[in-house]
Amino acid sequence: MASMLQDLRDEWQAFENLLDGLYGWLASPTSLLYDAALLRRVHQYMDRVLKILLDVVRRNGCTVIHASHSK
């Protein structure tokens, strides 16, 4: 069981690193993966996820002062 948990942690870390790097590749105009339409779609998804997160935070009684996916 402990080895399974460690494997999951390692996989999660790999996925997280891949996603962190992927946005940089998509957002950089000099990257071969750059596509303006795809980047707009990614920003739309980021806006939706941020809105869902803010709704959950507010439902739990918190007040949001400022929220942005760009900071």
PDB file of N, CA and C in Angstrom:
ATOM      1  N   MET A   1       0.821  -1.193   0.000  1.00  0.00           N
ATOM      2  CA  MET A   1       0.000   0.000   0.000  1.00  0.00           C
ATOM      3  C   MET A   1       0.866   1.260   0.000  1.00  0.00           C
ATOM      4  N   ALA A   2       1.922   1.246   0.795  1.00  0.00           N
ATOM      5  CA  ALA A   2       2.795   2.417   0.860  1.00  0.00           C
ATOM      6  C   ALA A   2       3.465   2.678  -0.483  1.00  0.00           C
ATOM      7  N   SER A   3       3.838   1.612  -1.171  1.00  0.00           N
ATOM      8  CA  SER A   3       4.486   1.799  -2.477  1.00  0.00           C
ATOM      9  C   SER A   3       3.492   2.344  -3.504  1.00  0.00           C
ATOM     10  N   MET A   4       2.223   1.935  -3.394  1.00  0.00           N
ATOM     11  CA  MET A   4       1.200   2.459  -4.300  1.00  0.00           C
ATOM     12  C   MET A   4       0.998   3.951  -4.074  1.00  0.00           C
ATOM     13  N   LEU A   5       0.967   4.352  -2.807  1.00  0.00           N
ATOM     14  CA  LEU A   5       0.815   5.776  -2.496  1.00  0.00           C
ATOM     15  C   LEU A   5       2.001   6.582  -3.012  1.00  0.00           C
ATOM     16  N   GLN A   6       3.194   6.036  -2.857  1.00  0.00           N
ATOM     17  CA  GLN A   6       4.381   6.737  -3.351  1.00  0.00           C
ATOM     18  C   GLN A   6       4.343   6.850  -4.874  1.00  0.00           C
ATOM     19  N   ASP A   7       3.891   5.797  -5.546  1.00  0.00           N
ATOM     20  CA  ASP A   7       3.760   5.846  -7.006  1.00  0.00           C
ATOM     21  C   ASP A   7       2.774   6.928  -7.427  1.00  0.00           C
ATOM     22  N   LEU A   8       1.650   7.030  -6.711  1.00  0.00           N
ATOM     23  CA  LEU A   8       0.663   8.066  -7.022  1.00  0.00           C
ATOM     24  C   LEU A   8       1.239   9.461  -6.817  1.00  0.00           C
ATOM     25  N   ARG A   9       2.000   9.627  -5.741  1.00  0.00           N
ATOM     26  CA  ARG A   9       2.632  10.933  -5.492  1.00  0.00           C
ATOM     27  C   ARG A   9       3.606  11.284  -6.615  1.00  0.00           C
ATOM     28  N   ASP A  10       4.390  10.301  -7.032  1.00  0.00           N
ATOM     29  CA  ASP A  10       5.360  10.544  -8.104  1.00  0.00           C
ATOM     30  C   ASP A  10       4.656  10.897  -9.408  1.00  0.00           C
ATOM     31  N   GLU A  11       3.590  10.161  -9.729  1.00  0.00           N
ATOM     32  CA  GLU A  11       2.837  10.444 -10.946  1.00  0.00           C
ATOM     33  C   GLU A  11       2.215  11.833 -10.885  1.00  0.00           C
ATOM     34  N   TRP A  12       1.647  12.176  -9.726  1.00  0.00           N
ATOM     35  CA  TRP A  12       1.021  13.494  -9.580  1.00  0.00           C
ATOM     36  C   TRP A  12       2.050  14.594  -9.789  1.00  0.00           C
ATOM     37  N   GLN A  13       3.247  14.405  -9.228  1.00  0.00           N
ATOM     38  CA  GLN A  13       4.307  15.407  -9.387  1.00  0.00           C
ATOM     39  C   GLN A  13       4.696  15.538 -10.858  1.00  0.00           C
ATOM     40  N   ALA A  14       4.755  14.425 -11.561  1.00  0.00           N
ATOM     41  CA  ALA A  14       5.096  14.466 -12.987  1.00  0.00           C
ATOM     42  C   ALA A  14       4.019  15.202 -13.777  1.00  0.00           C
ATOM     43  N   PHE A  15       2.745  14.925 -13.475  1.00  0.00           N
ATOM     44  CA  PHE A  15       1.651  15.622 -14.158  1.00  0.00           C
ATOM     45  C   PHE A  15       1.700  17.116 -13.876  1.00  0.00           C
ATOM     46  N   GLU A  16       1.962  17.460 -12.623  1.00  0.00           N
ATOM     47  CA  GLU A  16       2.016  18.870 -12.238  1.00  0.00           C
ATOM     48  C   GLU A  16       3.148  19.589 -12.975  1.00  0.00           C
ATOM     49  N   ASN A  17       4.302  18.955 -13.042  1.00  0.00           N
ATOM     50  CA  ASN A  17       5.433  19.559 -13.759  1.00  0.00           C
ATOM     51  C   ASN A  17       5.128  19.718 -15.244  1.00  0.00           C
ATOM     52  N   LEU A  18       4.479  18.730 -15.829  1.00  0.00           N
ATOM     53  CA  LEU A  18       4.122  18.801 -17.242  1.00  0.00           C
ATOM     54  C   LEU A  18       3.152  19.947 -17.501  1.00  0.00           C
ATOM     55  N   LEU A  19       2.128  20.092 -16.656  1.00  0.00           N
ATOM     56  CA  LEU A  19       1.152  21.162 -16.852  1.00  0.00           C
ATOM     57  C   LEU A  19       1.770  22.536 -16.655  1.00  0.00           C
ATOM     58  N   ASP A  20       2.658  22.660 -15.666  1.00  0.00           N
ATOM     59  CA  ASP A  20       3.325  23.943 -15.452  1.00  0.00           C
ATOM     60  C   ASP A  20       4.136  24.344 -16.681  1.00  0.00           C
ATOM     61  N   GLY A  21       4.849  23.409 -17.261  1.00  0.00           N
ATOM     62  CA  GLY A  21       5.649  23.694 -18.442  1.00  0.00           C
ATOM     63  C   GLY A  21       4.811  23.880 -19.686  1.00  0.00           C
ATOM     64  N   LEU A  22       3.704  23.178 -19.765  1.00  0.00           N
ATOM     65  CA  LEU A  22       2.854  23.232 -20.952  1.00  0.00           C
ATOM     66  C   LEU A  22       2.308  24.635 -21.188  1.00  0.00           C
ATOM     67  N   TYR A  23       1.876  25.303 -20.128  1.00  0.00           N
ATOM     68  CA  TYR A  23       1.341  26.653 -20.310  1.00  0.00           C
ATOM     69  C   TYR A  23       2.412  27.580 -20.879  1.00  0.00           C
ATOM     70  N   GLY A  24       3.622  27.458 -20.407  1.00  0.00           N
ATOM     71  CA  GLY A  24       4.711  28.276 -20.935  1.00  0.00           C
ATOM     72  C   GLY A  24       4.938  28.036 -22.416  1.00  0.00           C
ATOM     73  N   TRP A  25       4.846  26.783 -22.832  1.00  0.00           N
ATOM     74  CA  TRP A  25       5.011  26.462 -24.250  1.00  0.00           C
ATOM     75  C   TRP A  25       3.860  27.023 -25.073  1.00  0.00           C
ATOM     76  N   LEU A  26       2.650  26.962 -24.531  1.00  0.00           N
ATOM     77  CA  LEU A  26       1.487  27.449 -25.271  1.00  0.00           C
ATOM     78  C   LEU A  26       1.448  28.972 -25.341  1.00  0.00           C
ATOM     79  N   ALA A  27       1.948  29.647 -24.315  1.00  0.00           N
ATOM     80  CA  ALA A  27       1.824  31.099 -24.217  1.00  0.00           C
ATOM     81  C   ALA A  27       2.956  31.858 -24.906  1.00  0.00           C
ATOM     82  N   SER A  28       4.059  31.205 -25.160  1.00  0.00           N
ATOM     83  CA  SER A  28       5.204  31.895 -25.753  1.00  0.00           C
ATOM     84  C   SER A  28       5.082  31.951 -27.277  1.00  0.00           C
ATOM     85  N   PRO A  29       5.045  33.153 -27.853  1.00  0.00           N
ATOM     86  CA  PRO A  29       4.925  33.267 -29.313  1.00  0.00           C
ATOM     87  C   PRO A  29       6.101  32.645 -30.074  1.00  0.00           C
ATOM     88  N   THR A  30       7.237  32.453 -29.413  1.00  0.00           N
ATOM     89  CA  THR A  30       8.390  31.849 -30.084  1.00  0.00           C
ATOM     90  C   THR A  30       8.378  30.327 -30.004  1.00  0.00           C
ATOM     91  N   SER A  31       7.446  29.768 -29.256  1.00  0.00           N
ATOM     92  CA  SER A  31       7.365  28.316 -29.098  1.00  0.00           C
ATOM     93  C   SER A  31       6.722  27.675 -30.321  1.00  0.00           C
ATOM     94  N   LEU A  32       7.151  26.466 -30.625  1.00  0.00           N
ATOM     95  CA  LEU A  32       6.542  25.734 -31.739  1.00  0.00           C
ATOM     96  C   LEU A  32       5.134  25.266 -31.401  1.00  0.00           C
ATOM     97  N   LEU A  33       4.772  25.246 -30.118  1.00  0.00           N
ATOM     98  CA  LEU A  33       3.423  24.848 -29.708  1.00  0.00           C
ATOM     99  C   LEU A  33       2.463  26.029 -29.610  1.00  0.00           C
ATOM    100  N   TYR A  34       2.951  27.249 -29.886  1.00  0.00           N
ATOM    101  CA  TYR A  34       2.102  28.436 -29.759  1.00  0.00           C
ATOM    102  C   TYR A  34       0.985  28.417 -30.794  1.00  0.00           C
ATOM    103  N   ASP A  35      -0.219  28.669 -30.321  1.00  0.00           N
ATOM    104  CA  ASP A  35      -1.387  28.803 -31.190  1.00  0.00           C
ATOM    105  C   ASP A  35      -2.336  29.756 -30.480  1.00  0.00           C
ATOM    106  N   ALA A  36      -2.617  30.891 -31.086  1.00  0.00           N
ATOM    107  CA  ALA A  36      -3.433  31.922 -30.442  1.00  0.00           C
ATOM    108  C   ALA A  36      -4.819  31.405 -30.082  1.00  0.00           C
ATOM    109  N   ALA A  37      -5.428  30.627 -30.965  1.00  0.00           N
ATOM    110  CA  ALA A  37      -6.768  30.098 -30.690  1.00  0.00           C
ATOM    111  C   ALA A  37      -6.736  29.120 -29.516  1.00  0.00           C
ATOM    112  N   LEU A  38      -5.722  28.277 -29.477  1.00  0.00           N
ATOM    113  CA  LEU A  38      -5.598  27.321 -28.376  1.00  0.00           C
ATOM    114  C   LEU A  38      -5.347  28.048 -27.062  1.00  0.00           C
ATOM    115  N   LEU A  39      -4.524  29.082 -27.095  1.00  0.00           N
ATOM    116  CA  LEU A  39      -4.246  29.855 -25.886  1.00  0.00           C
ATOM    117  C   LEU A  39      -5.503  30.554 -25.380  1.00  0.00           C
ATOM    118  N   ARG A  40      -6.325  31.085 -26.290  1.00  0.00           N
ATOM    119  CA  ARG A  40      -7.602  31.689 -25.878  1.00  0.00           C
ATOM    120  C   ARG A  40      -8.481  30.658 -25.190  1.00  0.00           C
ATOM    121  N   ARG A  41      -8.532  29.449 -25.735  1.00  0.00           N
ATOM    122  CA  ARG A  41      -9.344  28.378 -25.145  1.00  0.00           C
ATOM    123  C   ARG A  41      -8.820  28.013 -23.755  1.00  0.00           C
ATOM    124  N   VAL A  42      -7.519  27.937 -23.603  1.00  0.00           N
ATOM    125  CA  VAL A  42      -6.928  27.644 -22.293  1.00  0.00           C
ATOM    126  C   VAL A  42      -7.304  28.737 -21.304  1.00  0.00           C
ATOM    127  N   HIS A  43      -7.257  29.998 -21.726  1.00  0.00           N
ATOM    128  CA  HIS A  43      -7.643  31.105 -20.841  1.00  0.00           C
ATOM    129  C   HIS A  43      -9.123  31.027 -20.471  1.00  0.00           C
ATOM    130  N   GLN A  44      -9.964  30.611 -21.403  1.00  0.00           N
ATOM    131  CA  GLN A  44     -11.388  30.444 -21.090  1.00  0.00           C
ATOM    132  C   GLN A  44     -11.571  29.377 -20.014  1.00  0.00           C
ATOM    133  N   TYR A  45     -10.855  28.263 -20.149  1.00  0.00           N
ATOM    134  CA  TYR A  45     -10.944  27.208 -19.135  1.00  0.00           C
ATOM    135  C   TYR A  45     -10.405  27.694 -17.791  1.00  0.00           C
ATOM    136  N   MET A  46      -9.329  28.467 -17.819  1.00  0.00           N
ATOM    137  CA  MET A  46      -8.773  28.996 -16.577  1.00  0.00           C
ATOM    138  C   MET A  46      -9.770  29.935 -15.902  1.00  0.00           C
ATOM    139  N   ASP A  47     -10.465  30.754 -16.690  1.00  0.00           N
ATOM    140  CA  ASP A  47     -11.484  31.648 -16.132  1.00  0.00           C
ATOM    141  C   ASP A  47     -12.620  30.853 -15.492  1.00  0.00           C
ATOM    142  N   ARG A  48     -13.044  29.783 -16.156  1.00  0.00           N
ATOM    143  CA  ARG A  48     -14.123  28.950 -15.605  1.00  0.00           C
ATOM    144  C   ARG A  48     -13.713  28.299 -14.294  1.00  0.00           C
ATOM    145  N   VAL A  49     -12.502  27.759 -14.257  1.00  0.00           N
ATOM    146  CA  VAL A  49     -12.023  27.103 -13.036  1.00  0.00           C
ATOM    147  C   VAL A  49     -11.897  28.114 -11.909  1.00  0.00           C
ATOM    148  N   LEU A  50     -11.401  29.310 -12.211  1.00  0.00           N
ATOM    149  CA  LEU A  50     -11.288  30.350 -11.188  1.00  0.00           C
ATOM    150  C   LEU A  50     -12.664  30.728 -10.653  1.00  0.00           C
ATOM    151  N   LYS A  51     -13.645  30.854 -11.538  1.00  0.00           N
ATOM    152  CA  LYS A  51     -15.005  31.187 -11.106  1.00  0.00           C
ATOM    153  C   LYS A  51     -15.573  30.099 -10.193  1.00  0.00           C
ATOM    154  N   ILE A  52     -15.363  28.845 -10.549  1.00  0.00           N
ATOM    155  CA  ILE A  52     -15.841  27.735  -9.711  1.00  0.00           C
ATOM    156  C   ILE A  52     -15.164  27.779  -8.346  1.00  0.00           C
ATOM    157  N   LEU A  53     -13.854  28.011  -8.328  1.00  0.00           N
ATOM    158  CA  LEU A  53     -13.125  28.092  -7.063  1.00  0.00           C
ATOM    159  C   LEU A  53     -13.651  29.235  -6.203  1.00  0.00           C
ATOM    160  N   LEU A  54     -13.890  30.397  -6.812  1.00  0.00           N
ATOM    161  CA  LEU A  54     -14.399  31.541  -6.054  1.00  0.00           C
ATOM    162  C   LEU A  54     -15.791  31.266  -5.503  1.00  0.00           C
ATOM    163  N   ASP A  55     -16.632  30.590  -6.278  1.00  0.00           N
ATOM    164  CA  ASP A  55     -17.969  30.230  -5.789  1.00  0.00           C
ATOM    165  C   ASP A  55     -17.879  29.320  -4.571  1.00  0.00           C
ATOM    166  N   VAL A  56     -16.974  28.353  -4.608  1.00  0.00           N
ATOM    167  CA  VAL A  56     -16.805  27.436  -3.471  1.00  0.00           C
ATOM    168  C   VAL A  56     -16.298  28.195  -2.253  1.00  0.00           C
ATOM    169  N   VAL A  57     -15.338  29.083  -2.465  1.00  0.00           N
ATOM    170  CA  VAL A  57     -14.785  29.861  -1.350  1.00  0.00           C
ATOM    171  C   VAL A  57     -15.868  30.733  -0.728  1.00  0.00           C
ATOM    172  N   ARG A  58     -16.669  31.378  -1.552  1.00  0.00           N
ATOM    173  CA  ARG A  58     -17.746  32.239  -1.032  1.00  0.00           C
ATOM    174  C   ARG A  58     -18.810  31.425  -0.312  1.00  0.00           C
ATOM    175  N   ARG A  59     -19.139  30.247  -0.855  1.00  0.00           N
ATOM    176  CA  ARG A  59     -20.134  29.389  -0.198  1.00  0.00           C
ATOM    177  C   ARG A  59     -19.679  28.954   1.187  1.00  0.00           C
ATOM    178  N   ASN A  60     -18.372  28.894   1.378  1.00  0.00           N
ATOM    179  CA  ASN A  60     -17.830  28.508   2.676  1.00  0.00           C
ATOM    180  C   ASN A  60     -17.662  29.701   3.609  1.00  0.00           C
ATOM    181  N   GLY A  61     -18.217  30.842   3.224  1.00  0.00           N
ATOM    182  CA  GLY A  61     -18.262  31.991   4.112  1.00  0.00           C
ATOM    183  C   GLY A  61     -17.082  32.936   4.034  1.00  0.00           C
ATOM    184  N   CYS A  62     -16.236  32.785   3.061  1.00  0.00           N
ATOM    185  CA  CYS A  62     -15.069  33.658   2.940  1.00  0.00           C
ATOM    186  C   CYS A  62     -15.374  34.824   2.000  1.00  0.00           C
ATOM    187  N   THR A  63     -14.662  35.908   2.192  1.00  0.00           N
ATOM    188  CA  THR A  63     -14.771  37.065   1.321  1.00  0.00           C
ATOM    189  C   THR A  63     -13.521  37.134   0.458  1.00  0.00           C
ATOM    190  N   VAL A  64     -13.707  37.202  -0.833  1.00  0.00           N
ATOM    191  CA  VAL A  64     -12.578  37.269  -1.762  1.00  0.00           C
ATOM    192  C   VAL A  64     -12.269  38.733  -2.030  1.00  0.00           C
ATOM    193  N   ILE A  65     -11.047  39.131  -1.768  1.00  0.00           N
ATOM    194  CA  ILE A  65     -10.618  40.504  -1.989  1.00  0.00           C
ATOM    195  C   ILE A  65     -10.189  40.692  -3.438  1.00  0.00           C
ATOM    196  N   HIS A  66      -9.378  39.787  -3.926  1.00  0.00           N
ATOM    197  CA  HIS A  66      -8.879  39.869  -5.303  1.00  0.00           C
ATOM    198  C   HIS A  66      -8.584  38.462  -5.796  1.00  0.00           C
ATOM    199  N   ALA A  67      -8.921  38.188  -7.040  1.00  0.00           N
ATOM    200  CA  ALA A  67      -8.624  36.877  -7.622  1.00  0.00           C
ATOM    201  C   ALA A  67      -8.266  37.047  -9.088  1.00  0.00           C
ATOM    202  N   SER A  68      -7.207  36.387  -9.486  1.00  0.00           N
ATOM    203  CA  SER A  68      -6.761  36.446 -10.872  1.00  0.00           C
ATOM    204  C   SER A  68      -5.953  35.199 -11.178  1.00  0.00           C
ATOM    205  N   HIS A  69      -6.133  34.660 -12.363  1.00  0.00           N
ATOM    206  CA  HIS A  69      -5.338  33.497 -12.725  1.00  0.00           C
ATOM    207  C   HIS A  69      -3.990  33.903 -13.312  1.00  0.00           C
ATOM    208  N   SER A  70      -3.770  35.185 -13.468  1.00  0.00           N
ATOM    209  CA  SER A  70      -2.512  35.639 -14.056  1.00  0.00           C
ATOM    210  C   SER A  70      -1.455  36.003 -13.016  1.00  0.00           C
ATOM    211  N   LYS A  71      -1.777  35.945 -11.764  1.00  0.00           N
ATOM    212  CA  LYS A  71      -0.799  36.291 -10.719  1.00  0.00           C
ATOM    213  C   LYS A  71      -0.437  35.085  -9.907  1.00  0.00           C
TER     214      LYS A  71
END
